[in-house]
């Protein structure tokens, strides 16, 4: 068993990948917000597209944050 002065290692690759995935999710939300104002769709269609985009970005954001947590835990 290692002594008290040895620090546990972290997985830098997982942390970086998680940060990239989180940045992509935020970029999707920001880009979609600017794109929605230019779309000429019915309100029901626009609501469906917004919901789908929010679900995809939410999953990406949670995946990115999960990768960061796992990267620090390992």
PDB file of N, CA and C in Angstrom:
ATOM      1  N   UNK A   1       0.841  -1.173   0.000  1.00  0.00           N
ATOM      2  CA  UNK A   1       0.000   0.000   0.000  1.00  0.00           C
ATOM      3  C   UNK A   1       0.889   1.239   0.000  1.00  0.00           C
ATOM      4  N   UNK A   2       0.617   2.206  -0.877  1.00  0.00           N
ATOM      5  CA  UNK A   2       1.462   3.395  -0.946  1.00  0.00           C
ATOM      6  C   UNK A   2       1.322   4.259   0.300  1.00  0.00           C
ATOM      7  N   UNK A   3       2.349   5.046   0.531  1.00  0.00           N
ATOM      8  CA  UNK A   3       2.349   5.931   1.692  1.00  0.00           C
ATOM      9  C   UNK A   3       1.435   7.129   1.493  1.00  0.00           C
ATOM     10  N   UNK A   4       1.388   7.993   2.471  1.00  0.00           N
ATOM     11  CA  UNK A   4       0.496   9.134   2.428  1.00  0.00           C
ATOM     12  C   UNK A   4       0.927  10.241   1.479  1.00  0.00           C
ATOM     13  N   UNK A   5       2.175  10.230   1.020  1.00  0.00           N
ATOM     14  CA  UNK A   5       2.653  11.290   0.146  1.00  0.00           C
ATOM     15  C   UNK A   5       2.415  11.011  -1.327  1.00  0.00           C
ATOM     16  N   UNK A   6       1.965   9.832  -1.669  1.00  0.00           N
ATOM     17  CA  UNK A   6       1.737   9.475  -3.069  1.00  0.00           C
ATOM     18  C   UNK A   6       0.325   9.906  -3.450  1.00  0.00           C
ATOM     19  N   UNK A   7       0.229  10.697  -4.515  1.00  0.00           N
ATOM     20  CA  UNK A   7      -1.078  11.159  -4.984  1.00  0.00           C
ATOM     21  C   UNK A   7      -1.694  10.123  -5.911  1.00  0.00           C
ATOM     22  N   UNK A   8      -2.992   9.948  -5.860  1.00  0.00           N
ATOM     23  CA  UNK A   8      -3.641   9.058  -6.811  1.00  0.00           C
ATOM     24  C   UNK A   8      -3.586   9.670  -8.211  1.00  0.00           C
ATOM     25  N   UNK A   9      -3.505   8.829  -9.198  1.00  0.00           N
ATOM     26  CA  UNK A   9      -3.418   9.312 -10.570  1.00  0.00           C
ATOM     27  C   UNK A   9      -4.809   9.625 -11.104  1.00  0.00           C
ATOM     28  N   UNK A  10      -4.860  10.509 -12.077  1.00  0.00           N
ATOM     29  CA  UNK A  10      -6.101  10.826 -12.767  1.00  0.00           C
ATOM     30  C   UNK A  10      -5.919  10.489 -14.239  1.00  0.00           C
ATOM     31  N   UNK A  11      -7.009  10.216 -14.890  1.00  0.00           N
ATOM     32  CA  UNK A  11      -6.964   9.903 -16.312  1.00  0.00           C
ATOM     33  C   UNK A  11      -7.161  11.196 -17.106  1.00  0.00           C
ATOM     34  N   UNK A  12      -6.069  11.744 -17.581  1.00  0.00           N
ATOM     35  CA  UNK A  12      -6.119  13.014 -18.300  1.00  0.00           C
ATOM     36  C   UNK A  12      -6.910  12.900 -19.591  1.00  0.00           C
ATOM     37  N   UNK A  13      -6.817  11.761 -20.259  1.00  0.00           N
ATOM     38  CA  UNK A  13      -7.532  11.579 -21.517  1.00  0.00           C
ATOM     39  C   UNK A  13      -9.040  11.671 -21.312  1.00  0.00           C
ATOM     40  N   UNK A  14      -9.548  11.052 -20.252  1.00  0.00           N
ATOM     41  CA  UNK A  14     -10.983  11.106 -19.988  1.00  0.00           C
ATOM     42  C   UNK A  14     -11.430  12.515 -19.628  1.00  0.00           C
ATOM     43  N   UNK A  15     -10.609  13.218 -18.886  1.00  0.00           N
ATOM     44  CA  UNK A  15     -10.959  14.585 -18.499  1.00  0.00           C
ATOM     45  C   UNK A  15     -11.003  15.488 -19.727  1.00  0.00           C
ATOM     46  N   UNK A  16     -10.022  15.366 -20.597  1.00  0.00           N
ATOM     47  CA  UNK A  16      -9.986  16.184 -21.812  1.00  0.00           C
ATOM     48  C   UNK A  16     -11.146  15.823 -22.728  1.00  0.00           C
ATOM     49  N   UNK A  17     -11.419  14.540 -22.903  1.00  0.00           N
ATOM     50  CA  UNK A  17     -12.534  14.116 -23.744  1.00  0.00           C
ATOM     51  C   UNK A  17     -13.860  14.618 -23.177  1.00  0.00           C
ATOM     52  N   UNK A  18     -14.014  14.557 -21.871  1.00  0.00           N
ATOM     53  CA  UNK A  18     -15.223  15.071 -21.241  1.00  0.00           C
ATOM     54  C   UNK A  18     -15.384  16.568 -21.445  1.00  0.00           C
ATOM     55  N   UNK A  19     -14.289  17.299 -21.356  1.00  0.00           N
ATOM     56  CA  UNK A  19     -14.345  18.749 -21.582  1.00  0.00           C
ATOM     57  C   UNK A  19     -14.708  19.066 -23.027  1.00  0.00           C
ATOM     58  N   UNK A  20     -14.174  18.292 -23.962  1.00  0.00           N
ATOM     59  CA  UNK A  20     -14.489  18.504 -25.377  1.00  0.00           C
ATOM     60  C   UNK A  20     -15.958  18.209 -25.648  1.00  0.00           C
ATOM     61  N   UNK A  21     -16.465  17.102 -25.117  1.00  0.00           N
ATOM     62  CA  UNK A  21     -17.871  16.738 -25.324  1.00  0.00           C
ATOM     63  C   UNK A  21     -18.789  17.779 -24.693  1.00  0.00           C
ATOM     64  N   UNK A  22     -18.434  18.279 -23.525  1.00  0.00           N
ATOM     65  CA  UNK A  22     -19.236  19.321 -22.881  1.00  0.00           C
ATOM     66  C   UNK A  22     -19.222  20.610 -23.703  1.00  0.00           C
ATOM     67  N   UNK A  23     -18.073  20.956 -24.253  1.00  0.00           N
ATOM     68  CA  UNK A  23     -17.981  22.152 -25.090  1.00  0.00           C
ATOM     69  C   UNK A  23     -18.811  22.000 -26.361  1.00  0.00           C
ATOM     70  N   UNK A  24     -18.829  20.805 -26.932  1.00  0.00           N
ATOM     71  CA  UNK A  24     -19.655  20.555 -28.117  1.00  0.00           C
ATOM     72  C   UNK A  24     -21.131  20.716 -27.776  1.00  0.00           C
ATOM     73  N   UNK A  25     -21.546  20.215 -26.629  1.00  0.00           N
ATOM     74  CA  UNK A  25     -22.944  20.339 -26.212  1.00  0.00           C
ATOM     75  C   UNK A  25     -23.334  21.804 -26.043  1.00  0.00           C
ATOM     76  N   UNK A  26     -22.475  22.584 -25.415  1.00  0.00           N
ATOM     77  CA  UNK A  26     -22.761  24.007 -25.237  1.00  0.00           C
ATOM     78  C   UNK A  26     -22.778  24.718 -26.588  1.00  0.00           C
ATOM     79  N   UNK A  27     -21.885  24.329 -27.484  1.00  0.00           N
ATOM     80  CA  UNK A  27     -21.872  24.897 -28.830  1.00  0.00           C
ATOM     81  C   UNK A  27     -23.131  24.572 -29.612  1.00  0.00           C
ATOM     82  N   UNK A  28     -23.637  23.360 -29.457  1.00  0.00           N
ATOM     83  CA  UNK A  28     -24.885  22.982 -30.129  1.00  0.00           C
ATOM     84  C   UNK A  28     -26.038  23.835 -29.617  1.00  0.00           C
ATOM     85  N   UNK A  29     -26.117  24.006 -28.310  1.00  0.00           N
ATOM     86  CA  UNK A  29     -27.195  24.826 -27.745  1.00  0.00           C
ATOM     87  C   UNK A  29     -27.097  26.280 -28.207  1.00  0.00           C
ATOM     88  N   UNK A  30     -25.899  26.818 -28.235  1.00  0.00           N
ATOM     89  CA  UNK A  30     -25.716  28.203 -28.657  1.00  0.00           C
ATOM     90  C   UNK A  30     -26.013  28.372 -30.143  1.00  0.00           C
ATOM     91  N   UNK A  31     -25.496  27.468 -30.952  1.00  0.00           N
ATOM     92  CA  UNK A  31     -25.746  27.545 -32.390  1.00  0.00           C
ATOM     93  C   UNK A  31     -27.210  27.348 -32.742  1.00  0.00           C
ATOM     94  N   UNK A  32     -27.857  26.435 -32.057  1.00  0.00           N
ATOM     95  CA  UNK A  32     -29.269  26.185 -32.330  1.00  0.00           C
ATOM     96  C   UNK A  32     -30.118  27.383 -31.945  1.00  0.00           C
ATOM     97  N   UNK A  33     -29.739  28.057 -30.888  1.00  0.00           N
ATOM     98  CA  UNK A  33     -30.503  29.229 -30.459  1.00  0.00           C
ATOM     99  C   UNK A  33     -30.489  30.321 -31.524  1.00  0.00           C
ATOM    100  N   UNK A  34     -29.357  30.499 -32.196  1.00  0.00           N
ATOM    101  CA  UNK A  34     -29.271  31.488 -33.268  1.00  0.00           C
ATOM    102  C   UNK A  34     -29.975  30.996 -34.530  1.00  0.00           C
ATOM    103  N   UNK A  35     -29.969  29.704 -34.752  1.00  0.00           N
ATOM    104  CA  UNK A  35     -30.587  29.150 -35.954  1.00  0.00           C
ATOM    105  C   UNK A  35     -32.105  29.128 -35.858  1.00  0.00           C
ATOM    106  N   UNK A  36     -32.647  28.907 -34.673  1.00  0.00           N
ATOM    107  CA  UNK A  36     -34.098  28.812 -34.509  1.00  0.00           C
ATOM    108  C   UNK A  36     -34.811  30.079 -34.946  1.00  0.00           C
ATOM    109  N   UNK A  37     -34.216  31.231 -34.702  1.00  0.00           N
ATOM    110  CA  UNK A  37     -34.871  32.484 -35.070  1.00  0.00           C
ATOM    111  C   UNK A  37     -34.980  32.649 -36.583  1.00  0.00           C
ATOM    112  N   UNK A  38     -34.153  31.953 -37.333  1.00  0.00           N
ATOM    113  CA  UNK A  38     -34.165  32.072 -38.792  1.00  0.00           C
ATOM    114  C   UNK A  38     -35.044  31.031 -39.474  1.00  0.00           C
ATOM    115  N   UNK A  39     -35.475  30.029 -38.736  1.00  0.00           N
ATOM    116  CA  UNK A  39     -36.298  28.985 -39.331  1.00  0.00           C
ATOM    117  C   UNK A  39     -37.727  29.472 -39.514  1.00  0.00           C
ATOM    118  N   UNK A  40     -38.294  29.152 -40.659  1.00  0.00           N
ATOM    119  CA  UNK A  40     -39.679  29.521 -40.943  1.00  0.00           C
ATOM    120  C   UNK A  40     -40.530  28.261 -40.859  1.00  0.00           C
ATOM    121  N   UNK A  41     -40.860  27.873 -39.628  1.00  0.00           N
ATOM    122  CA  UNK A  41     -41.629  26.654 -39.388  1.00  0.00           C
ATOM    123  C   UNK A  41     -42.839  26.970 -38.529  1.00  0.00           C
ATOM    124  N   UNK A  42     -43.783  26.041 -38.535  1.00  0.00           N
ATOM    125  CA  UNK A  42     -44.929  26.165 -37.643  1.00  0.00           C
ATOM    126  C   UNK A  42     -44.452  26.032 -36.202  1.00  0.00           C
ATOM    127  N   UNK A  43     -45.250  26.553 -35.299  1.00  0.00           N
ATOM    128  CA  UNK A  43     -44.866  26.549 -33.882  1.00  0.00           C
ATOM    129  C   UNK A  43     -44.705  25.132 -33.341  1.00  0.00           C
ATOM    130  N   UNK A  44     -45.556  24.199 -33.787  1.00  0.00           N
ATOM    131  CA  UNK A  44     -45.461  22.810 -33.312  1.00  0.00           C
ATOM    132  C   UNK A  44     -44.165  22.157 -33.781  1.00  0.00           C
ATOM    133  N   UNK A  45     -43.803  22.393 -35.029  1.00  0.00           N
ATOM    134  CA  UNK A  45     -42.562  21.823 -35.558  1.00  0.00           C
ATOM    135  C   UNK A  45     -41.349  22.419 -34.858  1.00  0.00           C
ATOM    136  N   UNK A  46     -41.398  23.711 -34.632  1.00  0.00           N
ATOM    137  CA  UNK A  46     -40.281  24.379 -33.964  1.00  0.00           C
ATOM    138  C   UNK A  46     -40.132  23.891 -32.526  1.00  0.00           C
ATOM    139  N   UNK A  47     -41.252  23.646 -31.862  1.00  0.00           N
ATOM    140  CA  UNK A  47     -41.207  23.118 -30.497  1.00  0.00           C
ATOM    141  C   UNK A  47     -40.592  21.725 -30.474  1.00  0.00           C
ATOM    142  N   UNK A  48     -40.944  20.895 -31.448  1.00  0.00           N
ATOM    143  CA  UNK A  48     -40.374  19.545 -31.519  1.00  0.00           C
ATOM    144  C   UNK A  48     -38.874  19.588 -31.775  1.00  0.00           C
ATOM    145  N   UNK A  49     -38.451  20.470 -32.660  1.00  0.00           N
ATOM    146  CA  UNK A  49     -37.023  20.586 -32.966  1.00  0.00           C
ATOM    147  C   UNK A  49     -36.253  21.094 -31.744  1.00  0.00           C
ATOM    148  N   UNK A  50     -36.836  22.057 -31.033  1.00  0.00           N
ATOM    149  CA  UNK A  50     -36.183  22.558 -29.817  1.00  0.00           C
ATOM    150  C   UNK A  50     -36.044  21.465 -28.766  1.00  0.00           C
ATOM    151  N   UNK A  51     -37.094  20.674 -28.603  1.00  0.00           N
ATOM    152  CA  UNK A  51     -37.046  19.591 -27.620  1.00  0.00           C
ATOM    153  C   UNK A  51     -35.996  18.554 -28.000  1.00  0.00           C
ATOM    154  N   UNK A  52     -35.953  18.176 -29.263  1.00  0.00           N
ATOM    155  CA  UNK A  52     -34.972  17.192 -29.720  1.00  0.00           C
ATOM    156  C   UNK A  52     -33.548  17.713 -29.540  1.00  0.00           C
ATOM    157  N   UNK A  53     -33.334  18.972 -29.877  1.00  0.00           N
ATOM    158  CA  UNK A  53     -32.006  19.561 -29.705  1.00  0.00           C
ATOM    159  C   UNK A  53     -31.612  19.615 -28.232  1.00  0.00           C
ATOM    160  N   UNK A  54     -32.559  19.972 -27.377  1.00  0.00           N
ATOM    161  CA  UNK A  54     -32.267  20.029 -25.946  1.00  0.00           C
ATOM    162  C   UNK A  54     -31.952  18.641 -25.393  1.00  0.00           C
ATOM    163  N   UNK A  55     -32.657  17.618 -25.869  1.00  0.00           N
ATOM    164  CA  UNK A  55     -32.372  16.254 -25.417  1.00  0.00           C
ATOM    165  C   UNK A  55     -30.981  15.801 -25.854  1.00  0.00           C
ATOM    166  N   UNK A  56     -30.638  16.061 -27.097  1.00  0.00           N
ATOM    167  CA  UNK A  56     -29.322  15.657 -27.604  1.00  0.00           C
ATOM    168  C   UNK A  56     -28.215  16.397 -26.854  1.00  0.00           C
ATOM    169  N   UNK A  57     -28.372  17.709 -26.707  1.00  0.00           N
ATOM    170  CA  UNK A  57     -27.351  18.490 -26.005  1.00  0.00           C
ATOM    171  C   UNK A  57     -27.272  18.092 -24.536  1.00  0.00           C
ATOM    172  N   UNK A  58     -28.403  17.794 -23.926  1.00  0.00           N
ATOM    173  CA  UNK A  58     -28.399  17.358 -22.529  1.00  0.00           C
ATOM    174  C   UNK A  58     -27.677  16.043 -22.341  1.00  0.00           C
ATOM    175  N   UNK A  59     -27.916  15.111 -23.255  1.00  0.00           N
ATOM    176  CA  UNK A  59     -27.210  13.828 -23.178  1.00  0.00           C
ATOM    177  C   UNK A  59     -25.706  14.011 -23.370  1.00  0.00           C
ATOM    178  N   UNK A  60     -25.334  14.864 -24.322  1.00  0.00           N
ATOM    179  CA  UNK A  60     -23.908  15.125 -24.527  1.00  0.00           C
ATOM    180  C   UNK A  60     -23.284  15.791 -23.303  1.00  0.00           C
ATOM    181  N   UNK A  61     -23.996  16.734 -22.719  1.00  0.00           N
ATOM    182  CA  UNK A  61     -23.460  17.425 -21.545  1.00  0.00           C
ATOM    183  C   UNK A  61     -23.305  16.478 -20.364  1.00  0.00           C
ATOM    184  N   UNK A  62     -24.305  15.641 -20.132  1.00  0.00           N
ATOM    185  CA  UNK A  62     -24.196  14.668 -19.039  1.00  0.00           C
ATOM    186  C   UNK A  62     -23.087  13.654 -19.299  1.00  0.00           C
ATOM    187  N   UNK A  63     -22.933  13.249 -20.552  1.00  0.00           N
ATOM    188  CA  UNK A  63     -21.852  12.324 -20.897  1.00  0.00           C
ATOM    189  C   UNK A  63     -20.495  12.974 -20.647  1.00  0.00           C
ATOM    190  N   UNK A  64     -20.353  14.222 -21.064  1.00  0.00           N
ATOM    191  CA  UNK A  64     -19.097  14.932 -20.836  1.00  0.00           C
ATOM    192  C   UNK A  64     -18.777  15.099 -19.365  1.00  0.00           C
ATOM    193  N   UNK A  65     -19.776  15.476 -18.584  1.00  0.00           N
ATOM    194  CA  UNK A  65     -19.550  15.624 -17.145  1.00  0.00           C
ATOM    195  C   UNK A  65     -19.252  14.280 -16.490  1.00  0.00           C
ATOM    196  N   UNK A  66     -19.906  13.229 -16.963  1.00  0.00           N
ATOM    197  CA  UNK A  66     -19.623  11.891 -16.440  1.00  0.00           C
ATOM    198  C   UNK A  66     -18.201  11.457 -16.744  1.00  0.00           C
ATOM    199  N   UNK A  67     -17.731  11.760 -17.948  1.00  0.00           N
ATOM    200  CA  UNK A  67     -16.351  11.423 -18.298  1.00  0.00           C
ATOM    201  C   UNK A  67     -15.357  12.186 -17.423  1.00  0.00           C
ATOM    202  N   UNK A  68     -15.667  13.431 -17.138  1.00  0.00           N
ATOM    203  CA  UNK A  68     -14.783  14.211 -16.268  1.00  0.00           C
ATOM    204  C   UNK A  68     -14.743  13.610 -14.869  1.00  0.00           C
ATOM    205  N   UNK A  69     -15.901  13.237 -14.341  1.00  0.00           N
ATOM    206  CA  UNK A  69     -15.948  12.645 -12.999  1.00  0.00           C
ATOM    207  C   UNK A  69     -15.188  11.325 -12.968  1.00  0.00           C
ATOM    208  N   UNK A  70     -15.398  10.489 -13.982  1.00  0.00           N
ATOM    209  CA  UNK A  70     -14.691   9.202 -14.035  1.00  0.00           C
ATOM    210  C   UNK A  70     -13.191   9.434 -14.201  1.00  0.00           C
ATOM    211  N   UNK A  71     -12.821  10.451 -14.972  1.00  0.00           N
ATOM    212  CA  UNK A  71     -11.403  10.769 -15.141  1.00  0.00           C
ATOM    213  C   UNK A  71     -10.735  11.157 -13.838  1.00  0.00           C
ATOM    214  N   UNK A  72     -11.439  11.901 -13.000  1.00  0.00           N
ATOM    215  CA  UNK A  72     -10.876  12.264 -11.702  1.00  0.00           C
ATOM    216  C   UNK A  72     -10.913  11.102 -10.724  1.00  0.00           C
ATOM    217  N   UNK A  73     -11.880  10.207 -10.885  1.00  0.00           N
ATOM    218  CA  UNK A  73     -12.020   9.091  -9.946  1.00  0.00           C
ATOM    219  C   UNK A  73     -10.997   7.989 -10.201  1.00  0.00           C
ATOM    220  N   UNK A  74     -10.508   7.869 -11.434  1.00  0.00           N
ATOM    221  CA  UNK A  74      -9.566   6.788 -11.731  1.00  0.00           C
ATOM    222  C   UNK A  74      -8.137   7.248 -11.589  1.00  0.00           C
TER     223      UNK A  74
END
